[in-house]
Amino acid sequence: RNLSKGNKIKIGVVQALMHRPELLMLDEPTFGLDPLMQ
């Protein structure tokens, strides 16, 4: 609840990657991130 929108998106990115899946399906994975994080 104390995180910015960008940091919440980062949690989403981590959960998608963290189990090293065979397939990544990402809907707008960098939307809301600053350019360096993109």
Full PDB file with SEQRES, HELIX, SHEET, SSBOND, CRYST1, ORIGX, SCALE, CONECT and MASTER records, all heavy atoms in Angstrom:
SEQRES   1 A   38  ARG ASN LEU SER LYS GLY ASN LYS ILE LYS ILE GLY VAL          
SEQRES   2 A   38  VAL GLN ALA LEU MET HIS ARG PRO GLU LEU LEU MET LEU          
SEQRES   3 A   38  ASP GLU PRO THR PHE GLY LEU ASP PRO LEU MET GLN              
HELIX    1 AA1 LYS A    5  LEU A   17  1                                  13    
CRYST1    1.000    1.000    1.000  90.00  90.00  90.00 P 1           1          
ORIGX1      1.000000  0.000000  0.000000        0.00000                         
ORIGX2      0.000000  1.000000  0.000000        0.00000                         
ORIGX3      0.000000  0.000000  1.000000        0.00000                         
SCALE1      1.000000  0.000000  0.000000        0.00000                         
SCALE2      0.000000  1.000000  0.000000        0.00000                         
SCALE3      0.000000  0.000000  1.000000        0.00000                         
ATOM      1  N   ARG A   1       0.823  -1.215   0.000  1.00  0.00           N  
ATOM      2  CA  ARG A   1       0.000   0.000   0.000  1.00  0.00           C  
ATOM      3  C   ARG A   1       0.858   1.267   0.000  1.00  0.00           C  
ATOM      4  O   ARG A   1       0.378   2.347  -0.361  1.00  0.00           O  
ATOM      5  CB  ARG A   1      -0.932   0.003   1.209  1.00  0.00           C  
ATOM      6  CG  ARG A   1      -0.260   0.043   2.556  1.00  0.00           C  
ATOM      7  CD  ARG A   1      -1.267   0.143   3.691  1.00  0.00           C  
ATOM      8  NE  ARG A   1      -0.625   0.049   5.000  1.00  0.00           N  
ATOM      9  CZ  ARG A   1      -0.399  -1.089   5.636  1.00  0.00           C  
ATOM     10  NH1 ARG A   1      -0.808  -2.240   5.077  1.00  0.00           N  
ATOM     11  NH2 ARG A   1       0.201  -1.102   6.814  1.00  0.00           N  
ATOM     12  N   ASN A   2       2.125   1.152   0.424  1.00  0.00           N  
ATOM     13  CA  ASN A   2       3.016   2.312   0.465  1.00  0.00           C  
ATOM     14  C   ASN A   2       3.893   2.438  -0.774  1.00  0.00           C  
ATOM     15  O   ASN A   2       4.739   3.335  -0.839  1.00  0.00           O  
ATOM     16  CB  ASN A   2       3.912   2.245   1.708  1.00  0.00           C  
ATOM     17  CG  ASN A   2       3.123   2.357   2.996  1.00  0.00           C  
ATOM     18  OD1 ASN A   2       2.003   2.865   3.002  1.00  0.00           O  
ATOM     19  ND2 ASN A   2       3.687   1.879   4.095  1.00  0.00           N  
ATOM     20  N   LEU A   3       3.714   1.547  -1.722  1.00  0.00           N  
ATOM     21  CA  LEU A   3       4.549   1.564  -2.922  1.00  0.00           C  
ATOM     22  C   LEU A   3       3.935   2.445  -4.004  1.00  0.00           C  
ATOM     23  O   LEU A   3       2.717   2.567  -4.118  1.00  0.00           O  
ATOM     24  CB  LEU A   3       4.719   0.144  -3.473  1.00  0.00           C  
ATOM     25  CG  LEU A   3       5.467  -0.857  -2.589  1.00  0.00           C  
ATOM     26  CD1 LEU A   3       5.542  -2.204  -3.292  1.00  0.00           C  
ATOM     27  CD2 LEU A   3       6.859  -0.363  -2.229  1.00  0.00           C  
ATOM     28  N   SER A   4       4.801   3.029  -4.815  1.00  0.00           N  
ATOM     29  CA  SER A   4       4.352   3.783  -5.983  1.00  0.00           C  
ATOM     30  C   SER A   4       3.828   2.818  -7.037  1.00  0.00           C  
ATOM     31  O   SER A   4       4.052   1.596  -6.962  1.00  0.00           O  
ATOM     32  CB  SER A   4       5.509   4.596  -6.560  1.00  0.00           C  
ATOM     33  OG  SER A   4       6.507   3.714  -7.077  1.00  0.00           O  
ATOM     34  N   LYS A   5       3.161   3.371  -8.033  1.00  0.00           N  
ATOM     35  CA  LYS A   5       2.660   2.538  -9.131  1.00  0.00           C  
ATOM     36  C   LYS A   5       3.793   1.805  -9.826  1.00  0.00           C  
ATOM     37  O   LYS A   5       3.678   0.616 -10.151  1.00  0.00           O  
ATOM     38  CB  LYS A   5       1.895   3.396 -10.143  1.00  0.00           C  
ATOM     39  CG  LYS A   5       1.345   2.602 -11.314  1.00  0.00           C  
ATOM     40  CD  LYS A   5       0.578   3.492 -12.285  1.00  0.00           C  
ATOM     41  CE  LYS A   5       0.062   2.668 -13.471  1.00  0.00           C  
ATOM     42  NZ  LYS A   5      -0.685   3.516 -14.437  1.00  0.00           N  
ATOM     43  N   GLY A   6       4.908   2.498 -10.025  1.00  0.00           N  
ATOM     44  CA  GLY A   6       6.046   1.869 -10.690  1.00  0.00           C  
ATOM     45  C   GLY A   6       6.590   0.687  -9.915  1.00  0.00           C  
ATOM     46  O   GLY A   6       6.934  -0.346 -10.499  1.00  0.00           O  
ATOM     47  N   ASN A   7       6.670   0.818  -8.587  1.00  0.00           N  
ATOM     48  CA  ASN A   7       7.184  -0.288  -7.773  1.00  0.00           C  
ATOM     49  C   ASN A   7       6.209  -1.456  -7.729  1.00  0.00           C  
ATOM     50  O   ASN A   7       6.616  -2.618  -7.616  1.00  0.00           O  
ATOM     51  CB  ASN A   7       7.502   0.203  -6.365  1.00  0.00           C  
ATOM     52  CG  ASN A   7       8.839   0.924  -6.299  1.00  0.00           C  
ATOM     53  OD1 ASN A   7       9.821   0.486  -6.895  1.00  0.00           O  
ATOM     54  ND2 ASN A   7       8.877   2.034  -5.596  1.00  0.00           N  
ATOM     55  N   LYS A   8       4.922  -1.176  -7.806  1.00  0.00           N  
ATOM     56  CA  LYS A   8       3.945  -2.266  -7.893  1.00  0.00           C  
ATOM     57  C   LYS A   8       4.106  -3.036  -9.205  1.00  0.00           C  
ATOM     58  O   LYS A   8       3.985  -4.258  -9.240  1.00  0.00           O  
ATOM     59  CB  LYS A   8       2.528  -1.709  -7.765  1.00  0.00           C  
ATOM     60  CG  LYS A   8       2.206  -1.172  -6.373  1.00  0.00           C  
ATOM     61  CD  LYS A   8       0.809  -0.560  -6.328  1.00  0.00           C  
ATOM     62  CE  LYS A   8       0.511   0.017  -4.946  1.00  0.00           C  
ATOM     63  NZ  LYS A   8      -0.827   0.658  -4.881  1.00  0.00           N  
ATOM     64  N   ILE A   9       4.408  -2.296 -10.273  1.00  0.00           N  
ATOM     65  CA  ILE A   9       4.658  -2.957 -11.554  1.00  0.00           C  
ATOM     66  C   ILE A   9       5.899  -3.842 -11.458  1.00  0.00           C  
ATOM     67  O   ILE A   9       5.937  -4.950 -12.001  1.00  0.00           O  
ATOM     68  CB  ILE A   9       4.817  -1.908 -12.667  1.00  0.00           C  
ATOM     69  CG1 ILE A   9       3.488  -1.190 -12.905  1.00  0.00           C  
ATOM     70  CG2 ILE A   9       5.305  -2.550 -13.964  1.00  0.00           C  
ATOM     71  CD1 ILE A   9       3.589   0.020 -13.802  1.00  0.00           C  
ATOM     72  N   LYS A  10       6.906  -3.379 -10.722  1.00  0.00           N  
ATOM     73  CA  LYS A  10       8.125  -4.175 -10.560  1.00  0.00           C  
ATOM     74  C   LYS A  10       7.826  -5.504  -9.864  1.00  0.00           C  
ATOM     75  O   LYS A  10       8.402  -6.536 -10.206  1.00  0.00           O  
ATOM     76  CB  LYS A  10       9.163  -3.390  -9.763  1.00  0.00           C  
ATOM     77  CG  LYS A  10       9.718  -2.175 -10.481  1.00  0.00           C  
ATOM     78  CD  LYS A  10      10.661  -1.410  -9.569  1.00  0.00           C  
ATOM     79  CE  LYS A  10      11.101  -0.089 -10.172  1.00  0.00           C  
ATOM     80  NZ  LYS A  10      11.986   0.671  -9.254  1.00  0.00           N  
ATOM     81  N   ILE A  11       6.919  -5.484  -8.877  1.00  0.00           N  
ATOM     82  CA  ILE A  11       6.522  -6.739  -8.233  1.00  0.00           C  
ATOM     83  C   ILE A  11       5.918  -7.683  -9.270  1.00  0.00           C  
ATOM     84  O   ILE A  11       6.188  -8.884  -9.278  1.00  0.00           O  
ATOM     85  CB  ILE A  11       5.524  -6.471  -7.084  1.00  0.00           C  
ATOM     86  CG1 ILE A  11       6.215  -5.754  -5.932  1.00  0.00           C  
ATOM     87  CG2 ILE A  11       4.906  -7.778  -6.591  1.00  0.00           C  
ATOM     88  CD1 ILE A  11       5.295  -5.392  -4.782  1.00  0.00           C  
ATOM     89  N   GLY A  12       5.106  -7.130 -10.160  1.00  0.00           N  
ATOM     90  CA  GLY A  12       4.529  -7.945 -11.220  1.00  0.00           C  
ATOM     91  C   GLY A  12       5.583  -8.536 -12.131  1.00  0.00           C  
ATOM     92  O   GLY A  12       5.492  -9.703 -12.547  1.00  0.00           O  
ATOM     93  N   VAL A  13       6.601  -7.751 -12.465  1.00  0.00           N  
ATOM     94  CA  VAL A  13       7.693  -8.251 -13.317  1.00  0.00           C  
ATOM     95  C   VAL A  13       8.447  -9.369 -12.604  1.00  0.00           C  
ATOM     96  O   VAL A  13       8.749 -10.414 -13.198  1.00  0.00           O  
ATOM     97  CB  VAL A  13       8.646  -7.097 -13.694  1.00  0.00           C  
ATOM     98  CG1 VAL A  13       9.879  -7.637 -14.423  1.00  0.00           C  
ATOM     99  CG2 VAL A  13       7.929  -6.069 -14.560  1.00  0.00           C  
ATOM    100  N   VAL A  14       8.743  -9.174 -11.316  1.00  0.00           N  
ATOM    101  CA  VAL A  14       9.474 -10.193 -10.560  1.00  0.00           C  
ATOM    102  C   VAL A  14       8.687 -11.492 -10.500  1.00  0.00           C  
ATOM    103  O   VAL A  14       9.240 -12.581 -10.719  1.00  0.00           O  
ATOM    104  CB  VAL A  14       9.800  -9.678  -9.140  1.00  0.00           C  
ATOM    105  CG1 VAL A  14      10.380 -10.813  -8.289  1.00  0.00           C  
ATOM    106  CG2 VAL A  14      10.786  -8.522  -9.204  1.00  0.00           C  
ATOM    107  N   GLN A  15       7.374 -11.401 -10.195  1.00  0.00           N  
ATOM    108  CA  GLN A  15       6.593 -12.638 -10.088  1.00  0.00           C  
ATOM    109  C   GLN A  15       6.501 -13.383 -11.408  1.00  0.00           C  
ATOM    110  O   GLN A  15       6.371 -14.607 -11.424  1.00  0.00           O  
ATOM    111  CB  GLN A  15       5.203 -12.344  -9.516  1.00  0.00           C  
ATOM    112  CG  GLN A  15       4.272 -11.514 -10.378  1.00  0.00           C  
ATOM    113  CD  GLN A  15       3.570 -12.295 -11.474  1.00  0.00           C  
ATOM    114  OE1 GLN A  15       3.320 -13.493 -11.317  1.00  0.00           O  
ATOM    115  NE2 GLN A  15       3.284 -11.629 -12.582  1.00  0.00           N  
ATOM    116  N   ALA A  16       6.558 -12.665 -12.521  1.00  0.00           N  
ATOM    117  CA  ALA A  16       6.514 -13.339 -13.822  1.00  0.00           C  
ATOM    118  C   ALA A  16       7.818 -14.066 -14.122  1.00  0.00           C  
ATOM    119  O   ALA A  16       7.825 -15.130 -14.746  1.00  0.00           O  
ATOM    120  CB  ALA A  16       6.219 -12.315 -14.920  1.00  0.00           C  
ATOM    121  N   LEU A  17       8.937 -13.507 -13.656  1.00  0.00           N  
ATOM    122  CA  LEU A  17      10.253 -14.049 -13.992  1.00  0.00           C  
ATOM    123  C   LEU A  17      10.790 -15.034 -12.956  1.00  0.00           C  
ATOM    124  O   LEU A  17      11.669 -15.841 -13.263  1.00  0.00           O  
ATOM    125  CB  LEU A  17      11.253 -12.904 -14.128  1.00  0.00           C  
ATOM    126  CG  LEU A  17      11.104 -11.973 -15.334  1.00  0.00           C  
ATOM    127  CD1 LEU A  17      11.918 -10.701 -15.115  1.00  0.00           C  
ATOM    128  CD2 LEU A  17      11.570 -12.675 -16.606  1.00  0.00           C  
ATOM    129  N   MET A  18      10.288 -14.980 -11.715  1.00  0.00           N  
ATOM    130  CA  MET A  18      11.013 -15.578 -10.595  1.00  0.00           C  
ATOM    131  C   MET A  18      11.131 -17.097 -10.654  1.00  0.00           C  
ATOM    132  O   MET A  18      12.062 -17.663 -10.077  1.00  0.00           O  
ATOM    133  CB  MET A  18      10.384 -15.146  -9.270  1.00  0.00           C  
ATOM    134  CG  MET A  18       8.991 -15.659  -8.997  1.00  0.00           C  
ATOM    135  SD  MET A  18       8.403 -15.008  -7.396  1.00  0.00           S  
ATOM    136  CE  MET A  18       6.826 -15.851  -7.268  1.00  0.00           C  
ATOM    137  N   HIS A  19      10.232 -17.788 -11.356  1.00  0.00           N  
ATOM    138  CA  HIS A  19      10.340 -19.245 -11.437  1.00  0.00           C  
ATOM    139  C   HIS A  19      10.977 -19.713 -12.744  1.00  0.00           C  
ATOM    140  O   HIS A  19      10.917 -20.887 -13.083  1.00  0.00           O  
ATOM    141  CB  HIS A  19       8.964 -19.895 -11.254  1.00  0.00           C  
ATOM    142  CG  HIS A  19       7.928 -19.467 -12.254  1.00  0.00           C  
ATOM    143  ND1 HIS A  19       7.543 -18.167 -12.423  1.00  0.00           N  
ATOM    144  CD2 HIS A  19       7.182 -20.195 -13.139  1.00  0.00           C  
ATOM    145  CE1 HIS A  19       6.619 -18.101 -13.367  1.00  0.00           C  
ATOM    146  NE2 HIS A  19       6.385 -19.310 -13.814  1.00  0.00           N  
ATOM    147  N   ARG A  20      11.634 -18.754 -13.440  1.00  0.00           N  
ATOM    148  CA  ARG A  20      12.338 -19.045 -14.705  1.00  0.00           C  
ATOM    149  C   ARG A  20      11.458 -19.877 -15.652  1.00  0.00           C  
ATOM    150  O   ARG A  20      11.805 -20.996 -16.044  1.00  0.00           O  
ATOM    151  CB  ARG A  20      13.646 -19.773 -14.432  1.00  0.00           C  
ATOM    152  CG  ARG A  20      14.716 -18.912 -13.753  1.00  0.00           C  
ATOM    153  CD  ARG A  20      16.043 -19.660 -13.701  1.00  0.00           C  
ATOM    154  NE  ARG A  20      17.144 -18.816 -13.324  1.00  0.00           N  
ATOM    155  CZ  ARG A  20      17.625 -18.684 -12.081  1.00  0.00           C  
ATOM    156  NH1 ARG A  20      17.050 -19.366 -11.095  1.00  0.00           N  
ATOM    157  NH2 ARG A  20      18.656 -17.912 -11.830  1.00  0.00           N  
ATOM    158  N   PRO A  21      10.319 -19.319 -16.066  1.00  0.00           N  
ATOM    159  CA  PRO A  21       9.378 -20.092 -16.880  1.00  0.00           C  
ATOM    160  C   PRO A  21       9.886 -20.304 -18.303  1.00  0.00           C  
ATOM    161  O   PRO A  21      10.763 -19.581 -18.789  1.00  0.00           O  
ATOM    162  CB  PRO A  21       8.128 -19.205 -16.881  1.00  0.00           C  
ATOM    163  CG  PRO A  21       8.670 -17.819 -16.736  1.00  0.00           C  
ATOM    164  CD  PRO A  21       9.847 -17.949 -15.820  1.00  0.00           C  
ATOM    165  N   GLU A  22       9.299 -21.288 -18.971  1.00  0.00           N  
ATOM    166  CA  GLU A  22       9.627 -21.549 -20.376  1.00  0.00           C  
ATOM    167  C   GLU A  22       9.072 -20.458 -21.291  1.00  0.00           C  
ATOM    168  O   GLU A  22       9.619 -20.192 -22.362  1.00  0.00           O  
ATOM    169  CB  GLU A  22       9.041 -22.889 -20.814  1.00  0.00           C  
ATOM    170  CG  GLU A  22       9.606 -24.099 -20.113  1.00  0.00           C  
ATOM    171  CD  GLU A  22       8.857 -25.347 -20.525  1.00  0.00           C  
ATOM    172  OE1 GLU A  22       8.764 -25.621 -21.737  1.00  0.00           O  
ATOM    173  OE2 GLU A  22       8.342 -26.058 -19.626  1.00  0.00           O  
ATOM    174  N   LEU A  23       7.960 -19.853 -20.873  1.00  0.00           N  
ATOM    175  CA  LEU A  23       7.280 -18.857 -21.687  1.00  0.00           C  
ATOM    176  C   LEU A  23       6.919 -17.659 -20.827  1.00  0.00           C  
ATOM    177  O   LEU A  23       6.378 -17.819 -19.737  1.00  0.00           O  
ATOM    178  CB  LEU A  23       6.001 -19.445 -22.305  1.00  0.00           C  
ATOM    179  CG  LEU A  23       5.063 -18.483 -23.041  1.00  0.00           C  
ATOM    180  CD1 LEU A  23       5.726 -17.909 -24.294  1.00  0.00           C  
ATOM    181  CD2 LEU A  23       3.758 -19.193 -23.407  1.00  0.00           C  
ATOM    182  N   LEU A  24       7.234 -16.473 -21.319  1.00  0.00           N  
ATOM    183  CA  LEU A  24       6.814 -15.235 -20.669  1.00  0.00           C  
ATOM    184  C   LEU A  24       5.749 -14.583 -21.530  1.00  0.00           C  
ATOM    185  O   LEU A  24       5.958 -14.357 -22.726  1.00  0.00           O  
ATOM    186  CB  LEU A  24       8.005 -14.286 -20.498  1.00  0.00           C  
ATOM    187  CG  LEU A  24       9.004 -14.660 -19.409  1.00  0.00           C  
ATOM    188  CD1 LEU A  24      10.304 -13.879 -19.590  1.00  0.00           C  
ATOM    189  CD2 LEU A  24       8.411 -14.405 -18.027  1.00  0.00           C  
ATOM    190  N   MET A  25       4.605 -14.284 -20.930  1.00  0.00           N  
ATOM    191  CA  MET A  25       3.532 -13.578 -21.619  1.00  0.00           C  
ATOM    192  C   MET A  25       3.255 -12.304 -20.825  1.00  0.00           C  
ATOM    193  O   MET A  25       2.712 -12.355 -19.713  1.00  0.00           O  
ATOM    194  CB  MET A  25       2.276 -14.448 -21.724  1.00  0.00           C  
ATOM    195  CG  MET A  25       2.515 -15.716 -22.517  1.00  0.00           C  
ATOM    196  SD  MET A  25       0.999 -16.631 -22.881  1.00  0.00           S  
ATOM    197  CE  MET A  25       0.250 -15.542 -24.068  1.00  0.00           C  
ATOM    198  N   LEU A  26       3.649 -11.187 -21.395  1.00  0.00           N  
ATOM    199  CA  LEU A  26       3.681  -9.926 -20.665  1.00  0.00           C  
ATOM    200  C   LEU A  26       2.842  -8.885 -21.388  1.00  0.00           C  
ATOM    201  O   LEU A  26       3.063  -8.601 -22.563  1.00  0.00           O  
ATOM    202  CB  LEU A  26       5.131  -9.437 -20.539  1.00  0.00           C  
ATOM    203  CG  LEU A  26       6.146 -10.495 -20.073  1.00  0.00           C  
ATOM    204  CD1 LEU A  26       7.559  -9.946 -20.168  1.00  0.00           C  
ATOM    205  CD2 LEU A  26       5.840 -10.946 -18.653  1.00  0.00           C  
ATOM    206  N   ASP A  27       1.911  -8.312 -20.649  1.00  0.00           N  
ATOM    207  CA  ASP A  27       1.020  -7.291 -21.209  1.00  0.00           C  
ATOM    208  C   ASP A  27       1.531  -5.922 -20.737  1.00  0.00           C  
ATOM    209  O   ASP A  27       1.360  -5.551 -19.583  1.00  0.00           O  
ATOM    210  CB  ASP A  27      -0.412  -7.540 -20.720  1.00  0.00           C  
ATOM    211  CG  ASP A  27      -1.457  -6.818 -21.558  1.00  0.00           C  
ATOM    212  OD1 ASP A  27      -1.069  -6.000 -22.418  1.00  0.00           O  
ATOM    213  OD2 ASP A  27      -2.661  -7.069 -21.352  1.00  0.00           O  
ATOM    214  N   GLU A  28       2.175  -5.191 -21.631  1.00  0.00           N  
ATOM    215  CA  GLU A  28       2.741  -3.866 -21.323  1.00  0.00           C  
ATOM    216  C   GLU A  28       3.698  -3.933 -20.131  1.00  0.00           C  
ATOM    217  O   GLU A  28       3.486  -3.289 -19.092  1.00  0.00           O  
ATOM    218  CB  GLU A  28       1.616  -2.860 -21.033  1.00  0.00           C  
ATOM    219  CG  GLU A  28       0.601  -2.715 -22.144  1.00  0.00           C  
ATOM    220  CD  GLU A  28       1.112  -1.822 -23.280  1.00  0.00           C  
ATOM    221  OE1 GLU A  28       2.184  -1.199 -23.130  1.00  0.00           O  
ATOM    222  OE2 GLU A  28       0.424  -1.743 -24.315  1.00  0.00           O  
ATOM    223  N   PRO A  29       4.816  -4.688 -20.235  1.00  0.00           N  
ATOM    224  CA  PRO A  29       5.670  -4.921 -19.061  1.00  0.00           C  
ATOM    225  C   PRO A  29       6.420  -3.696 -18.549  1.00  0.00           C  
ATOM    226  O   PRO A  29       6.856  -3.690 -17.394  1.00  0.00           O  
ATOM    227  CB  PRO A  29       6.659  -5.982 -19.553  1.00  0.00           C  
ATOM    228  CG  PRO A  29       6.686  -5.811 -21.038  1.00  0.00           C  
ATOM    229  CD  PRO A  29       5.290  -5.421 -21.417  1.00  0.00           C  
ATOM    230  N   THR A  30       6.600  -2.658 -19.362  1.00  0.00           N  
ATOM    231  CA  THR A  30       7.355  -1.491 -18.899  1.00  0.00           C  
ATOM    232  C   THR A  30       6.471  -0.268 -18.686  1.00  0.00           C  
ATOM    233  O   THR A  30       6.975   0.808 -18.359  1.00  0.00           O  
ATOM    234  CB  THR A  30       8.459  -1.123 -19.907  1.00  0.00           C  
ATOM    235  OG1 THR A  30       7.862  -0.709 -21.144  1.00  0.00           O  
ATOM    236  CG2 THR A  30       9.384  -2.293 -20.157  1.00  0.00           C  
ATOM    237  N   PHE A  31       5.173  -0.423 -18.861  1.00  0.00           N  
ATOM    238  CA  PHE A  31       4.273   0.719 -18.720  1.00  0.00           C  
ATOM    239  C   PHE A  31       4.294   1.243 -17.279  1.00  0.00           C  
ATOM    240  O   PHE A  31       4.112   0.491 -16.322  1.00  0.00           O  
ATOM    241  CB  PHE A  31       2.846   0.317 -19.093  1.00  0.00           C  
ATOM    242  CG  PHE A  31       1.859   1.454 -19.035  1.00  0.00           C  
ATOM    243  CD1 PHE A  31       1.867   2.446 -19.988  1.00  0.00           C  
ATOM    244  CD2 PHE A  31       0.941   1.540 -17.998  1.00  0.00           C  
ATOM    245  CE1 PHE A  31       0.966   3.499 -19.940  1.00  0.00           C  
ATOM    246  CE2 PHE A  31       0.038   2.585 -17.929  1.00  0.00           C  
ATOM    247  CZ  PHE A  31       0.056   3.567 -18.908  1.00  0.00           C  
ATOM    248  N   GLY A  32       4.553   2.531 -17.110  1.00  0.00           N  
ATOM    249  CA  GLY A  32       4.589   3.132 -15.784  1.00  0.00           C  
ATOM    250  C   GLY A  32       5.950   3.150 -15.139  1.00  0.00           C  
ATOM    251  O   GLY A  32       6.102   3.670 -14.028  1.00  0.00           O  
ATOM    252  N   LEU A  33       6.969   2.587 -15.808  1.00  0.00           N  
ATOM    253  CA  LEU A  33       8.324   2.592 -15.269  1.00  0.00           C  
ATOM    254  C   LEU A  33       9.115   3.762 -15.837  1.00  0.00           C  
ATOM    255  O   LEU A  33       8.862   4.207 -16.961  1.00  0.00           O  
ATOM    256  CB  LEU A  33       9.045   1.283 -15.607  1.00  0.00           C  
ATOM    257  CG  LEU A  33       8.428  -0.005 -15.053  1.00  0.00           C  
ATOM    258  CD1 LEU A  33       9.239  -1.206 -15.521  1.00  0.00           C  
ATOM    259  CD2 LEU A  33       8.339   0.030 -13.534  1.00  0.00           C  
ATOM    260  N   ASP A  34      10.104   4.222 -15.078  1.00  0.00           N  
ATOM    261  CA  ASP A  34      10.946   5.286 -15.615  1.00  0.00           C  
ATOM    262  C   ASP A  34      11.895   4.696 -16.656  1.00  0.00           C  
ATOM    263  O   ASP A  34      12.073   3.472 -16.731  1.00  0.00           O  
ATOM    264  CB  ASP A  34      11.714   5.994 -14.488  1.00  0.00           C  
ATOM    265  CG  ASP A  34      12.728   5.092 -13.797  1.00  0.00           C  
ATOM    266  OD1 ASP A  34      13.596   4.516 -14.483  1.00  0.00           O  
ATOM    267  OD2 ASP A  34      12.663   4.958 -12.575  1.00  0.00           O  
ATOM    268  N   PRO A  35      12.513   5.532 -17.498  1.00  0.00           N  
ATOM    269  CA  PRO A  35      13.329   5.019 -18.617  1.00  0.00           C  
ATOM    270  C   PRO A  35      14.435   4.061 -18.201  1.00  0.00           C  
ATOM    271  O   PRO A  35      14.695   3.076 -18.896  1.00  0.00           O  
ATOM    272  CB  PRO A  35      13.895   6.294 -19.242  1.00  0.00           C  
ATOM    273  CG  PRO A  35      12.876   7.345 -18.937  1.00  0.00           C  
ATOM    274  CD  PRO A  35      12.355   7.002 -17.567  1.00  0.00           C  
ATOM    275  N   LEU A  36      15.104   4.308 -17.071  1.00  0.00           N  
ATOM    276  CA  LEU A  36      16.179   3.416 -16.639  1.00  0.00           C  
ATOM    277  C   LEU A  36      15.635   2.037 -16.285  1.00  0.00           C  
ATOM    278  O   LEU A  36      16.235   1.012 -16.635  1.00  0.00           O  
ATOM    279  CB  LEU A  36      16.919   4.015 -15.444  1.00  0.00           C  
ATOM    280  CG  LEU A  36      17.780   5.249 -15.737  1.00  0.00           C  
ATOM    281  CD1 LEU A  36      18.392   5.776 -14.445  1.00  0.00           C  
ATOM    282  CD2 LEU A  36      18.866   4.932 -16.759  1.00  0.00           C  
ATOM    283  N   MET A  37      14.501   1.996 -15.609  1.00  0.00           N  
ATOM    284  CA  MET A  37      13.906   0.716 -15.253  1.00  0.00           C  
ATOM    285  C   MET A  37      13.330   0.003 -16.479  1.00  0.00           C  
ATOM    286  O   MET A  37      13.337  -1.225 -16.556  1.00  0.00           O  
ATOM    287  CB  MET A  37      12.821   0.912 -14.195  1.00  0.00           C  
ATOM    288  CG  MET A  37      13.364   1.195 -12.803  1.00  0.00           C  
ATOM    289  SD  MET A  37      14.369  -0.165 -12.136  1.00  0.00           S  
ATOM    290  CE  MET A  37      16.033   0.501 -12.342  1.00  0.00           C  
ATOM    291  N   GLN A  38      12.827   0.768 -17.437  1.00  0.00           N  
ATOM    292  CA  GLN A  38      12.373   0.162 -18.686  1.00  0.00           C  
ATOM    293  C   GLN A  38      13.516  -0.609 -19.341  1.00  0.00           C  
ATOM    294  O   GLN A  38      13.350  -1.747 -19.784  1.00  0.00           O  
ATOM    295  CB  GLN A  38      11.842   1.234 -19.635  1.00  0.00           C  
ATOM    296  CG  GLN A  38      10.519   1.846 -19.223  1.00  0.00           C  
ATOM    297  CD  GLN A  38      10.069   2.942 -20.165  1.00  0.00           C  
ATOM    298  OE1 GLN A  38      10.734   3.244 -21.157  1.00  0.00           O  
ATOM    299  NE2 GLN A  38       8.944   3.567 -19.855  1.00  0.00           N  
TER     300      GLN A  38                                                      
MASTER        0    0    0    1    0    0    0    6  299    1    0    3          
END                                                                             
